Protein backbone atom coordinates (compact mmCIF):
# COMPACT_ATOMS: atom_id res chain seq x y z
CA MET A 1 131.80 -53.71 -113.22
CA SER A 2 132.76 -57.31 -113.81
CA LYS A 3 130.72 -59.97 -112.03
CA ARG A 4 133.89 -61.66 -110.97
CA SER A 5 135.05 -61.08 -107.43
CA ALA A 6 138.65 -60.44 -108.43
CA SER A 7 138.02 -56.82 -109.49
CA ARG A 8 141.15 -54.71 -109.17
CA TRP A 9 140.65 -51.20 -107.77
CA THR A 10 143.64 -49.70 -109.56
CA LYS A 11 142.21 -46.88 -111.70
CA VAL A 12 143.12 -43.55 -110.05
CA GLU A 13 141.93 -40.19 -111.40
CA LEU A 14 143.31 -36.84 -110.23
CA GLY A 15 143.07 -33.23 -111.30
CA PHE A 16 139.69 -32.24 -109.86
CA VAL A 17 139.40 -28.56 -108.95
CA ASP A 18 136.90 -26.79 -106.77
CA ALA A 19 135.16 -25.04 -109.66
CA ASP A 20 134.16 -28.42 -111.14
CA GLU A 21 133.00 -30.04 -107.87
CA THR A 22 129.28 -29.43 -108.45
CA ALA A 23 129.48 -30.08 -112.20
CA ASN A 24 131.33 -33.38 -111.69
CA PHE A 25 129.59 -34.76 -108.60
CA GLY A 26 126.31 -32.90 -108.14
CA THR A 27 125.04 -30.41 -105.59
CA ARG A 28 126.64 -30.44 -102.15
CA HIS A 29 124.33 -30.37 -99.13
CA GLU A 30 126.36 -28.47 -96.60
CA PHE A 31 126.04 -26.04 -93.72
CA SER A 32 128.58 -23.38 -92.86
CA ALA A 33 128.56 -21.03 -89.89
CA PRO A 34 128.90 -17.31 -90.75
CA ASP A 35 132.54 -17.24 -89.67
CA SER A 36 133.41 -20.68 -91.10
CA LEU A 37 135.97 -20.95 -93.88
CA TYR A 38 135.53 -24.62 -94.73
CA GLN A 39 134.48 -26.30 -97.96
CA ILE A 40 134.70 -29.79 -99.40
CA GLN A 41 136.43 -30.81 -102.62
CA THR A 42 137.44 -34.00 -104.37
CA LEU A 43 141.13 -34.89 -104.59
CA ALA A 44 140.98 -38.23 -106.40
CA CYS A 45 138.71 -41.08 -107.48
CA ILE A 46 139.52 -44.79 -107.29
CA SER A 47 137.58 -47.26 -109.42
CA PRO A 48 137.99 -50.79 -110.84
CA SER A 49 140.18 -51.01 -113.92
CA GLU A 50 138.67 -52.49 -117.05
CA GLY A 51 139.92 -56.02 -117.52
CA ALA A 52 141.50 -55.86 -114.07
CA GLU A 53 140.23 -59.32 -113.20
CA ASP A 54 142.84 -60.75 -115.56
CA ASP A 55 145.68 -58.86 -113.91
CA LYS A 56 147.44 -61.33 -111.62
CA GLU A 57 150.70 -59.46 -111.20
CA ASN A 58 151.85 -59.47 -107.57
CA LYS A 59 148.61 -61.15 -106.59
CA PRO A 60 148.89 -64.91 -105.94
CA SER A 61 145.73 -66.97 -106.15
CA ASP A 62 143.92 -67.26 -102.83
CA LYS A 63 140.31 -68.41 -102.81
CA SER A 64 139.83 -67.31 -99.20
CA GLY A 65 140.57 -63.70 -100.12
CA GLU A 66 137.82 -63.39 -102.75
CA GLU A 67 134.85 -61.13 -102.07
CA PRO A 68 131.32 -62.42 -102.86
CA VAL A 69 129.21 -60.78 -105.57
CA ASP A 70 125.46 -60.35 -105.87
CA SER A 71 123.23 -60.89 -108.91
CA ASN A 72 124.00 -57.41 -110.22
CA GLY A 73 127.73 -58.04 -110.17
CA CYS A 74 128.31 -55.84 -107.13
CA ASP A 75 131.04 -56.66 -104.65
CA GLU A 76 129.19 -57.47 -101.44
CA GLY A 77 130.97 -56.35 -98.30
CA LEU A 78 133.40 -54.06 -100.10
CA ARG A 79 136.19 -53.45 -97.56
CA VAL A 80 137.75 -49.98 -97.43
CA VAL A 81 140.57 -49.14 -94.98
CA ALA A 82 142.45 -45.83 -94.99
CA GLU A 83 145.30 -44.43 -92.93
CA CYS A 84 147.18 -41.11 -93.08
CA ASN A 85 150.28 -39.95 -91.19
CA GLY A 86 150.11 -36.32 -92.32
CA LYS A 87 152.52 -36.90 -95.22
CA LEU A 88 151.30 -40.09 -96.86
CA LEU A 89 147.81 -41.48 -97.36
CA ALA A 90 147.12 -45.19 -97.88
CA VAL A 91 143.71 -46.34 -99.14
CA ALA A 92 142.99 -50.07 -99.31
CA VAL A 93 140.01 -51.27 -101.37
CA ASN A 94 139.61 -55.02 -100.93
CA ALA A 95 143.09 -56.34 -101.83
CA ASP A 96 144.49 -53.21 -103.55
CA VAL A 97 146.41 -50.50 -101.66
CA SER A 98 146.87 -47.07 -103.27
CA ILE A 99 149.51 -44.71 -101.86
CA PHE A 100 149.23 -40.90 -102.15
CA ASP A 101 151.68 -38.17 -101.20
CA VAL A 102 149.76 -35.48 -99.28
CA SER A 103 152.73 -33.58 -97.85
CA PHE A 104 153.19 -31.41 -100.93
CA MET A 105 149.84 -30.78 -102.58
CA PHE A 106 148.28 -34.14 -103.54
CA ARG A 107 150.02 -36.73 -105.72
CA PHE A 108 149.34 -40.37 -106.54
CA GLN A 109 152.40 -42.60 -106.09
CA PHE A 110 151.53 -46.23 -106.82
CA VAL A 111 149.13 -49.11 -106.19
CA THR A 112 150.05 -52.60 -105.05
CA ALA A 113 147.95 -55.76 -104.68
CA PHE A 114 147.78 -58.41 -101.97
CA ASP A 115 146.53 -61.97 -102.11
CA SER A 116 143.51 -61.36 -99.86
CA THR A 117 141.42 -58.51 -98.52
CA VAL A 118 143.38 -55.86 -96.61
CA THR A 119 141.78 -55.43 -93.19
CA GLY A 120 144.31 -53.29 -91.33
CA LEU A 121 146.76 -50.46 -92.13
CA CYS A 122 149.08 -48.31 -90.04
CA TRP A 123 152.17 -46.18 -90.73
CA LEU A 124 155.27 -46.77 -88.64
CA PRO A 125 156.31 -43.73 -86.57
CA ASP A 126 158.18 -40.97 -88.45
CA VAL A 127 158.95 -43.00 -91.62
CA ASP A 128 157.27 -43.87 -94.92
CA ILE A 129 156.85 -47.57 -94.12
CA LEU A 130 153.30 -48.95 -94.07
CA ALA A 131 152.20 -52.00 -92.09
CA VAL A 132 149.52 -54.03 -93.89
CA GLY A 133 147.40 -56.83 -92.41
CA CYS A 134 145.26 -59.15 -94.54
CA SER A 135 142.28 -61.39 -93.87
CA ASN A 136 144.34 -64.52 -94.57
CA GLY A 137 146.56 -63.81 -91.56
CA TYR A 138 149.56 -62.41 -93.41
CA PHE A 139 151.32 -59.23 -92.33
CA SER A 140 153.57 -57.04 -94.54
CA PHE A 141 155.67 -53.88 -94.53
CA ILE A 142 155.59 -51.62 -97.64
CA SER A 143 158.13 -48.90 -98.41
CA ALA A 144 156.33 -45.94 -100.01
CA SER A 145 159.60 -44.49 -101.37
CA LYS A 146 160.85 -47.81 -102.77
CA GLU A 147 157.35 -48.90 -103.88
CA SER A 148 158.07 -52.42 -102.74
CA ILE A 149 157.14 -54.99 -100.09
CA LEU A 150 159.97 -55.29 -97.54
CA TYR A 151 158.62 -57.99 -95.25
CA ARG A 152 155.83 -60.60 -95.30
CA LYS A 153 154.95 -63.21 -92.72
CA ARG A 154 151.92 -64.95 -91.24
CA LEU A 155 150.99 -63.62 -87.81
CA GLN A 156 151.33 -66.13 -84.96
CA SER A 157 148.44 -64.75 -82.94
CA GLY A 158 146.71 -67.92 -81.79
CA SER A 159 143.59 -66.68 -83.60
CA SER A 160 141.82 -68.42 -86.45
CA LYS A 161 139.80 -65.32 -87.34
CA PRO A 162 140.75 -62.47 -89.72
CA LEU A 163 142.74 -59.48 -88.56
CA THR A 164 140.51 -56.44 -88.01
CA SER A 165 142.82 -53.55 -87.13
CA LEU A 166 146.42 -52.39 -86.79
CA THR A 167 148.02 -49.58 -84.84
CA SER A 168 151.63 -48.63 -84.07
CA SER A 169 153.55 -46.47 -81.63
CA LEU A 170 157.04 -45.85 -80.30
CA ILE A 171 157.18 -47.41 -76.83
CA GLY A 172 160.51 -46.71 -75.17
CA ARG A 173 163.24 -47.60 -77.71
CA ASP A 174 161.06 -50.09 -79.59
CA CYS A 175 158.34 -49.72 -82.19
CA VAL A 176 155.27 -51.79 -81.34
CA VAL A 177 152.63 -52.78 -83.90
CA ALA A 178 149.38 -54.02 -82.34
CA ALA A 179 146.98 -56.29 -84.20
CA THR A 180 143.44 -57.27 -83.19
CA PHE A 181 141.33 -60.08 -84.63
CA ALA A 182 137.66 -60.79 -85.23
CA ASP A 183 137.46 -63.18 -82.27
CA GLY A 184 138.71 -60.48 -79.85
CA LYS A 185 142.28 -61.71 -79.58
CA ARG A 186 145.33 -59.48 -80.01
CA CYS A 187 149.04 -59.74 -80.57
CA ALA A 188 152.01 -57.38 -80.71
CA LEU A 189 155.01 -57.15 -83.02
CA PHE A 190 158.09 -55.62 -81.44
CA LEU A 191 160.69 -53.90 -83.63
CA PRO A 192 163.64 -53.58 -81.21
CA ASP A 193 165.96 -50.56 -81.13
CA TYR A 194 163.70 -48.77 -83.59
CA ALA A 195 164.49 -45.36 -82.08
CA ASP A 196 168.23 -45.88 -82.64
CA ALA A 197 167.67 -46.76 -86.31
CA LEU A 198 165.18 -43.93 -86.90
CA LYS A 199 167.71 -41.45 -88.34
CA ALA A 200 168.81 -43.97 -90.95
CA LEU A 201 165.21 -44.99 -91.66
CA LYS A 202 164.23 -41.39 -92.38
CA THR A 203 166.78 -41.36 -95.23
CA ASN A 204 165.15 -44.51 -96.68
CA ASN A 205 168.09 -46.66 -95.62
CA MET A 206 166.54 -50.06 -96.26
CA GLN A 207 169.58 -51.84 -94.85
CA ALA A 208 168.84 -50.25 -91.49
CA PHE A 209 165.25 -51.46 -91.68
CA LYS A 210 166.39 -54.98 -92.56
CA GLN A 211 168.47 -54.96 -89.40
CA VAL A 212 165.42 -53.89 -87.39
CA ILE A 213 163.09 -56.55 -88.80
CA ALA A 214 165.80 -59.22 -88.51
CA ASN A 215 165.18 -59.10 -84.75
CA ILE A 216 161.42 -58.68 -84.89
CA ARG A 217 159.47 -60.69 -82.36
CA MET A 218 155.81 -61.51 -82.13
CA GLU A 219 153.85 -62.02 -78.92
CA ALA A 220 150.24 -63.12 -78.43
CA CYS A 221 148.61 -61.23 -75.58
CA SER A 222 146.33 -62.93 -73.09
CA ALA A 223 143.11 -61.36 -71.82
CA ASP A 224 140.01 -62.38 -69.93
CA PHE A 225 137.70 -60.71 -72.46
CA GLY A 226 137.43 -60.09 -76.20
CA ILE A 227 138.93 -56.96 -77.76
CA GLN A 228 137.39 -55.07 -80.69
CA SER A 229 140.43 -52.79 -81.05
CA ALA A 230 143.68 -52.10 -79.24
CA HIS A 231 145.47 -48.75 -79.18
CA LEU A 232 149.02 -48.02 -78.14
CA MET A 233 149.49 -45.05 -75.81
CA SER A 234 153.16 -44.11 -75.73
CA SER A 235 152.50 -41.40 -73.12
CA TRP A 236 151.10 -44.11 -70.81
CA ASN A 237 153.46 -46.89 -71.93
CA SER A 238 150.32 -49.01 -72.09
CA TRP A 239 147.67 -50.61 -74.24
CA LEU A 240 144.23 -49.03 -74.32
CA LEU A 241 141.74 -51.83 -74.99
CA LEU A 242 138.18 -51.51 -76.24
CA PRO A 243 136.28 -54.71 -75.35
CA THR A 244 133.81 -56.37 -77.71
CA SER A 245 131.25 -56.65 -74.92
CA PRO A 246 128.99 -53.57 -74.66
CA LYS A 247 128.92 -53.99 -70.89
CA ARG A 248 132.67 -53.56 -70.41
CA PRO A 249 134.44 -50.18 -70.19
CA PRO A 250 137.80 -49.41 -71.88
CA TYR A 251 140.79 -50.93 -70.11
CA ILE A 252 144.40 -49.88 -69.60
CA ALA A 253 146.98 -52.67 -69.83
CA PRO A 254 150.58 -51.63 -69.01
CA PHE A 255 153.29 -53.21 -71.16
CA GLY A 256 154.98 -56.16 -69.52
CA SER A 257 152.06 -56.75 -67.17
CA GLU A 258 149.21 -59.24 -67.29
CA THR A 259 146.94 -56.99 -65.24
CA VAL A 260 144.39 -54.60 -66.72
CA GLU A 261 142.71 -51.60 -65.14
CA ALA A 262 139.25 -50.32 -66.09
CA LEU A 263 139.13 -46.69 -67.22
CA LEU A 264 136.69 -45.30 -64.69
CA LEU A 265 133.57 -43.70 -66.08
CA ALA A 266 130.90 -41.61 -64.39
CA SER A 267 127.83 -43.23 -62.91
CA GLY A 268 125.18 -43.85 -65.55
CA GLU A 269 127.62 -43.12 -68.39
CA ASP A 270 127.88 -45.32 -71.45
CA SER A 271 130.42 -47.91 -70.35
CA SER A 272 131.47 -49.14 -73.80
CA ALA A 273 133.50 -47.13 -76.29
CA ARG A 274 132.93 -47.08 -80.04
CA CYS A 275 136.25 -45.44 -80.86
CA ILE A 276 139.13 -43.64 -79.19
CA ARG A 277 141.48 -40.89 -80.42
CA ALA A 278 144.46 -39.11 -78.86
CA SER A 279 145.83 -35.63 -79.57
CA SER A 280 149.14 -35.56 -81.42
CA ASN A 281 151.14 -34.73 -78.28
CA GLY A 282 149.34 -37.38 -76.23
CA ARG A 283 147.85 -34.85 -73.80
CA PHE A 284 144.14 -35.37 -74.51
CA LEU A 285 142.21 -38.59 -74.95
CA PHE A 286 138.79 -38.66 -76.65
CA LEU A 287 136.41 -41.62 -76.17
CA LEU A 288 133.17 -41.92 -78.13
CA GLY A 289 130.68 -44.32 -76.57
CA THR A 290 128.28 -46.58 -78.43
CA SER A 291 125.32 -44.44 -77.35
CA GLY A 292 126.99 -41.16 -78.36
CA GLN A 293 128.63 -40.24 -75.06
CA LEU A 294 131.80 -38.18 -75.69
CA SER A 295 134.41 -38.21 -72.91
CA VAL A 296 137.52 -36.09 -72.97
CA TRP A 297 140.31 -37.15 -70.61
CA ASP A 298 143.62 -35.71 -69.50
CA ALA A 299 145.96 -38.50 -70.56
CA TRP A 300 148.65 -37.38 -68.09
CA THR A 301 146.48 -37.57 -64.99
CA HIS A 302 143.88 -40.12 -66.18
CA LEU A 303 141.16 -37.69 -65.05
CA PRO A 304 138.10 -36.70 -67.09
CA ILE A 305 137.84 -33.11 -68.38
CA PHE A 306 134.25 -33.09 -69.61
CA ARG A 307 131.52 -35.36 -70.95
CA ARG A 308 128.79 -34.54 -73.46
CA MET A 309 126.19 -36.51 -75.40
CA ILE A 310 126.30 -36.36 -79.22
CA ALA A 311 123.35 -38.16 -80.76
CA ASN A 312 124.03 -40.67 -83.56
CA ALA A 313 127.82 -40.05 -83.63
CA ILE A 314 129.53 -43.13 -85.09
CA ASP A 315 133.16 -42.04 -85.65
CA MET A 316 135.48 -39.15 -84.91
CA ALA A 317 138.82 -37.58 -85.78
CA LEU A 318 140.84 -34.63 -84.48
CA LEU A 319 141.93 -31.53 -86.37
CA GLN A 320 144.63 -29.54 -84.59
CA THR A 321 145.71 -25.98 -85.28
CA ASP A 322 149.00 -26.63 -83.47
CA ARG A 323 150.64 -30.05 -83.21
CA ALA A 324 152.28 -29.14 -79.89
CA THR A 325 149.16 -27.59 -78.41
CA TYR A 326 148.26 -28.04 -74.77
CA ALA A 327 144.96 -26.17 -75.11
CA LEU A 328 141.71 -27.96 -75.82
CA THR A 329 140.41 -24.90 -77.70
CA ASP A 330 143.08 -25.41 -80.38
CA ILE A 331 141.51 -28.75 -81.38
CA ARG A 332 138.55 -29.20 -83.73
CA LEU A 333 136.44 -32.32 -83.32
CA ILE A 334 135.49 -34.06 -86.57
CA LEU A 335 132.45 -36.32 -86.32
CA LEU A 336 130.73 -38.76 -88.65
CA VAL A 337 127.08 -38.61 -87.59
CA ALA A 338 124.43 -41.04 -88.80
CA ASN A 339 121.14 -39.74 -90.19
CA GLY A 340 118.72 -39.68 -87.28
CA GLY A 341 115.61 -39.04 -89.39
CA ASN A 342 113.22 -41.27 -91.31
CA ASP A 343 114.65 -40.53 -94.76
CA GLU A 344 116.64 -43.63 -95.68
CA ASN A 345 118.05 -41.87 -98.74
CA THR A 346 119.81 -39.25 -96.65
CA GLY A 347 123.32 -40.24 -95.72
CA PRO A 348 125.39 -39.37 -92.68
CA THR A 349 127.07 -36.00 -92.19
CA VAL A 350 130.66 -35.01 -91.53
CA GLU A 351 130.69 -32.27 -88.90
CA ILE A 352 133.38 -29.93 -87.62
CA ARG A 353 132.80 -28.81 -84.03
CA THR A 354 134.64 -26.46 -81.72
CA LEU A 355 135.80 -27.47 -78.26
CA PRO A 356 134.68 -27.43 -75.55
CA SER A 357 131.37 -25.90 -76.72
CA LEU A 358 130.79 -28.54 -79.44
CA ASP A 359 129.22 -25.88 -81.70
CA VAL A 360 128.91 -27.03 -85.33
CA VAL A 361 130.87 -24.69 -87.63
CA TYR A 362 130.59 -26.83 -90.76
CA SER A 363 128.76 -29.95 -91.91
CA VAL A 364 128.28 -31.75 -95.22
CA VAL A 365 126.09 -34.72 -96.15
CA VAL A 366 128.06 -37.73 -97.44
CA ASN A 367 127.14 -41.18 -98.71
CA GLN A 368 126.55 -44.29 -96.63
CA GLY A 369 129.75 -46.21 -96.00
CA THR A 370 131.97 -43.10 -95.87
CA THR A 371 135.27 -43.64 -94.05
CA LEU A 372 136.57 -40.84 -91.82
CA ILE A 373 140.34 -40.99 -91.61
CA ALA A 374 141.28 -40.83 -87.95
CA ASN A 375 144.87 -39.61 -88.20
CA THR A 376 144.02 -36.08 -89.31
CA VAL A 377 146.30 -33.89 -87.22
CA ASP A 378 147.14 -30.74 -89.23
CA GLU A 379 144.72 -27.95 -90.07
CA GLU A 380 146.80 -27.05 -93.14
CA ASP A 381 146.21 -30.46 -94.71
CA GLY A 382 142.46 -30.49 -94.01
CA ILE A 383 140.16 -33.41 -93.23
CA VAL A 384 140.27 -36.46 -95.46
CA ILE A 385 137.36 -38.83 -96.07
CA VAL A 386 136.84 -41.75 -98.46
CA GLU A 387 133.31 -41.77 -99.85
CA PRO A 388 131.71 -44.53 -101.98
CA GLU A 389 129.62 -43.70 -105.06
CA LYS A 390 126.95 -46.10 -106.39
CA ASN A 391 125.79 -46.58 -109.97
CA GLU A 392 122.21 -47.05 -111.18
CA LEU A 393 122.30 -50.72 -110.12
CA GLY A 394 123.20 -49.79 -106.56
CA CYS A 395 126.78 -51.05 -106.93
CA VAL A 396 129.74 -49.11 -105.57
CA ASP A 397 131.74 -48.35 -108.71
CA ASN A 398 133.79 -45.39 -107.51
CA LEU A 399 135.50 -44.20 -104.32
CA ARG A 400 136.10 -40.49 -103.89
CA ILE A 401 138.92 -39.18 -101.74
CA ARG A 402 137.65 -35.85 -100.49
CA THR A 403 139.04 -33.17 -98.23
CA VAL A 404 137.45 -30.42 -96.18
CA VAL A 405 139.65 -27.34 -96.33
CA GLU A 406 139.26 -23.67 -95.60
CA ALA A 407 137.13 -22.02 -98.26
CA GLN A 408 139.11 -18.78 -98.66
CA PRO A 409 142.29 -19.76 -100.49
CA ASP A 410 143.91 -16.33 -100.04
CA MET A 411 143.94 -16.83 -96.26
CA LYS A 412 145.61 -20.21 -96.59
CA LEU A 413 148.11 -18.65 -99.01
CA ILE A 414 149.02 -16.08 -96.36
CA ARG A 415 149.56 -18.84 -93.79
CA LEU A 416 151.79 -20.76 -96.20
CA LEU A 417 153.85 -17.62 -96.79
CA ASN A 418 154.11 -16.94 -93.05
CA LYS A 419 155.52 -20.46 -92.68
CA CYS A 420 157.98 -19.80 -95.56
CA ARG A 421 156.56 -22.73 -97.56
CA PHE A 422 157.09 -20.88 -100.83
CA GLN A 423 157.14 -23.74 -103.30
CA GLN A 424 153.87 -25.06 -101.96
CA ALA A 425 152.46 -21.53 -101.87
CA GLU A 426 153.35 -21.03 -105.55
CA LEU A 427 151.58 -24.23 -106.60
CA PHE A 428 148.61 -23.38 -104.38
CA ALA A 429 148.33 -19.89 -105.92
CA LYS A 430 148.39 -21.37 -109.42
CA GLN A 431 145.75 -23.94 -108.49
CA PHE A 432 143.34 -21.33 -107.11
CA GLY A 433 144.18 -18.49 -109.51
CA LEU A 434 145.68 -16.24 -106.84
CA ASP A 435 148.21 -13.45 -107.36
CA LEU A 436 151.63 -15.10 -107.77
CA GLN A 437 153.40 -11.79 -107.30
CA ILE A 438 152.51 -11.89 -103.60
CA VAL A 439 154.39 -15.19 -103.36
CA TYR A 440 157.45 -13.97 -105.25
CA LYS A 441 157.71 -10.66 -103.35
CA THR A 442 157.45 -12.37 -99.96
CA GLN A 443 159.97 -15.00 -100.97
CA LEU A 444 162.34 -12.30 -102.26
CA ASN A 445 162.54 -10.62 -98.85
CA PHE A 446 163.07 -13.99 -97.15
CA LEU A 447 165.88 -14.98 -99.53
CA LEU A 448 167.61 -11.60 -99.17
CA ASP A 449 167.66 -12.06 -95.39
CA GLU A 450 168.94 -15.62 -95.86
CA LEU A 451 171.81 -14.40 -98.07
CA GLN A 452 173.04 -12.20 -95.25
CA GLY A 453 173.39 -15.17 -92.91
CA PRO A 454 176.61 -17.09 -92.19
CA ASN A 455 175.40 -20.21 -94.03
CA ALA A 456 174.54 -18.53 -97.34
CA GLU A 457 175.73 -20.52 -100.36
CA GLN A 458 175.61 -20.19 -104.13
CA GLN A 459 172.39 -22.20 -104.35
CA HIS A 460 170.66 -19.63 -102.16
CA PHE A 461 171.85 -16.81 -104.41
CA ASP A 462 170.68 -18.68 -107.52
CA ALA A 463 167.24 -19.11 -105.95
CA PHE A 464 167.23 -15.40 -105.09
CA MET A 465 168.04 -14.39 -108.68
CA LYS A 466 165.39 -16.75 -110.05
CA CYS A 467 162.82 -15.23 -107.73
CA LEU A 468 163.96 -11.71 -108.64
CA ALA A 469 163.36 -12.47 -112.32
CA SER A 470 159.79 -13.53 -111.49
CA VAL A 471 158.93 -10.19 -109.87
CA GLN A 472 157.23 -7.89 -112.36
CA ASP A 473 157.52 -4.66 -110.37
CA ASP A 474 160.65 -2.98 -111.82
CA ASP A 475 160.77 -0.39 -109.03
CA LEU A 476 160.78 -3.12 -106.39
CA VAL A 477 163.50 -4.95 -108.33
CA GLY A 478 165.57 -1.76 -108.39
CA ASP A 479 165.18 -1.24 -104.64
CA THR A 480 166.06 -4.90 -103.99
CA CYS A 481 169.20 -4.69 -106.14
CA LEU A 482 170.22 -1.56 -104.25
CA ALA A 483 169.66 -3.22 -100.87
CA GLY A 484 171.40 -6.42 -101.91
CA GLY A 485 174.36 -4.53 -103.36
CA THR A 486 174.86 -2.86 -100.00
CA LEU A 487 174.19 -5.82 -97.69
CA LEU A 488 175.66 -8.88 -99.45
CA THR A 489 179.15 -10.07 -98.53
CA ARG A 490 180.48 -11.51 -101.81
CA PHE A 491 181.80 -9.49 -104.75
CA ASP A 492 180.44 -11.83 -107.44
CA TRP A 493 176.95 -11.70 -105.93
CA ILE A 494 177.01 -7.90 -105.64
CA ALA A 495 178.32 -7.49 -109.19
CA ALA A 496 175.75 -9.91 -110.61
CA LEU A 497 172.94 -8.12 -108.81
CA LEU A 498 174.00 -4.66 -109.98
CA ASN A 499 174.48 -5.88 -113.55
CA TYR A 500 171.00 -7.43 -113.46
CA SER A 501 169.55 -4.05 -112.42
CA ASP A 502 170.58 -2.73 -115.85
CA THR A 503 168.18 -5.19 -117.51
CA ARG A 504 165.15 -3.77 -115.64
CA LYS A 505 163.67 -0.34 -116.21
CA SER A 506 162.91 1.28 -112.91
CA ALA A 507 160.93 4.51 -113.19
CA ASP A 508 162.37 5.89 -109.92
CA ALA A 509 165.09 8.41 -110.84
CA ASP A 510 166.49 8.45 -107.31
CA THR A 511 166.90 4.64 -107.31
CA LEU A 512 168.63 4.73 -110.70
CA GLU A 513 171.05 7.41 -109.45
CA GLN A 514 171.87 5.40 -106.33
CA LEU A 515 172.45 2.21 -108.38
CA THR A 516 174.83 4.09 -110.70
CA ARG A 517 176.75 5.52 -107.73
CA LEU A 518 176.91 2.09 -106.05
CA LYS A 519 178.44 0.52 -109.17
CA TYR A 520 181.06 3.30 -109.28
CA ASN A 521 181.84 2.82 -105.58
CA LEU A 522 182.18 -0.95 -106.10
CA ALA A 523 184.72 -0.37 -108.85
CA THR A 524 186.65 1.98 -106.55
CA PHE A 525 186.64 -0.58 -103.75
CA ARG A 526 188.11 -3.24 -106.03
CA LEU A 527 190.75 -0.85 -107.37
CA VAL A 528 191.82 0.03 -103.84
CA PHE A 529 191.80 -3.42 -102.26
CA GLY A 530 192.26 -5.67 -105.29
CA ALA A 531 190.80 -9.11 -105.91
CA GLN A 532 191.28 -10.04 -102.24
CA ALA A 533 188.91 -7.31 -101.07
CA SER A 534 186.80 -8.37 -98.11
CA PHE A 535 183.07 -7.66 -97.99
CA ASP A 536 182.66 -8.88 -94.40
CA ARG A 537 180.60 -6.93 -91.93
CA ASP A 538 183.66 -5.52 -90.19
CA GLY A 539 185.33 -4.48 -93.46
CA ARG A 540 185.36 -1.13 -95.30
CA TRP A 541 182.82 -2.02 -97.98
CA PHE A 542 179.92 -0.51 -96.06
CA ASP A 543 181.78 2.80 -95.84
CA PHE A 544 182.44 2.72 -99.59
CA ALA A 545 178.86 1.67 -100.37
CA ALA A 546 177.41 4.53 -98.32
CA GLY A 547 179.86 7.02 -99.87
CA LEU A 548 179.38 9.52 -97.05
CA THR A 549 182.86 9.68 -95.52
CA TRP A 550 185.29 10.09 -98.44
CA PRO A 551 187.35 12.83 -96.67
CA ASP A 552 187.73 10.58 -93.61
CA ILE A 553 188.71 7.62 -95.81
CA VAL A 554 191.40 9.68 -97.58
CA VAL A 555 192.78 10.98 -94.27
CA ASP A 556 192.82 7.44 -92.86
CA PHE A 557 194.83 6.09 -95.80
CA ILE A 558 197.31 8.99 -95.57
CA ALA A 559 197.75 8.39 -91.83
CA ARG A 560 198.54 4.71 -92.52
CA GLY A 561 201.04 5.60 -95.23
CA LYS A 562 198.88 4.28 -98.08
CA LEU A 563 199.41 7.25 -100.39
CA PRO A 564 198.58 5.50 -103.72
CA GLU A 565 195.18 4.44 -102.35
CA ALA A 566 194.53 7.95 -100.98
CA ARG A 567 195.58 9.50 -104.31
CA LEU A 568 193.22 7.11 -106.22
CA ILE A 569 190.24 8.00 -104.06
CA TRP A 570 191.04 11.72 -104.34
CA ALA A 571 191.15 11.43 -108.11
CA ARG A 572 187.79 9.59 -108.35
CA TYR A 573 185.93 11.73 -105.79
CA GLN A 574 187.77 15.09 -105.96
CA LEU A 575 184.65 17.18 -106.41
CA ILE A 576 182.78 15.48 -103.57
CA ILE A 577 185.77 15.64 -101.20
CA GLY A 578 186.52 19.26 -102.06
CA ARG A 579 182.92 20.33 -101.56
CA ARG A 580 182.69 18.58 -98.19
CA LEU A 581 186.04 19.94 -97.01
CA GLY A 582 184.87 23.41 -98.01
CA GLU A 583 181.77 22.98 -95.89
CA GLN A 584 183.88 22.33 -92.78
CA GLU A 585 184.92 25.28 -90.56
CA ASP A 586 188.45 23.92 -90.02
């Protein structure tokens, strides 16, 4: 690594697969309970680019933003901040922010540079806009879809110290971004009428966002004590403040009020909180104290649910099996636990624990300085951590983005199929070498049902035919063509499906006979009713497709005076009609 402090962390490597995890990064020291399905794998690596110190694009000179280096050329005090909203992941390394798409597998999007160290990140609610705070006091909004900076301004916080954290939430109709600073001060940015503009913002309508930020206002918040971090609780319409003093408990500060209320803790309990997390629906509140005391609160009633001691716990995140859950048992607690032994070479562990028992179902040893991403809210997406790797000189020269996911890919594939996420399931099956035919067969049944609905369009039929071509089982294809020919409600779709059946070689003689008869019946139906023939549910096509009531159909046409149609059907099905009439007593 260059000895200059302007190293750019812009080199991103992808494409790591589970089979190469040990070969690429060494043996993993992990524990897994007998019924645990978790394992860890690397998604990407971020490292300094060669010659990056000469790259000044989008990075104005700012001496105050430079990081010091030691005699080995290592960046001292390397600052890593990461934030994920379930769809997008932002990782800031010093002044460089890398954006990844995690909603559909894992994909690198872009990297952008700022003029000083990034010290705070947060995603705005329900959109792909990232708020970025820097050590020089500037605040920016980045559009992940547009890959551009939309807004940049110095924060008027009344603080001379660097920003330390950012958080955002929808409070009423406004979006509020809270910033805290190294001297314990805080301020809030209000984006008015954010909820009204949300629909336009979700379609990446930048004009709508410009209208929102045109009315942005900034307010410094007064307090009688220093704040290490401030969290926005939309369910409480309040701030939740963690004081810098270890003797002060967390406080609740309602919006629009200068008063604060201490969050009551049990007698003898650790009064200061190291970090705080809320479940995705705002029902449960988790506080981790500086001495390892874990408190779980009902956020609706402000009453504690249970308290337990977890030795050496330094950070936590939540992993939820259901985003709308109201059950504590549906939440997994993710902990970053410091090494409590005497071995200084052993790093902390990432642990997955069940609630409320706090049993460890999985743990893995990670390197010192690992960042646990707090906004992990979906079991399907796994747990994300950012782990530093050091070279032989003891310098951090690589950051690994790792995820803890379920170890049995076939079970995850089944869940993806149950959720009808077929495109993702196909890519997942290819990645893990699973049977793609399971994906195509499941998708085929889903698409056939979709084609029978009132909103079926040509694009749905095209997707159905593409999926049908991917199925290798000719007998299943024959059965599907037979079912589709009977159930679909458009002539061109039925004809295309029956014609396609001729290109596949089903070994089932009965299916082949039924397909041949269905094609003949379709031709009869068109001859009788012409090009305007209706294939609606209440029409006659289902009678013709079944071919079981030809005598009744002939009699019906005669009764309605449609002799040419009756004569045509008699001519095409004379043997069948005669045999069935002969079987009748009258």
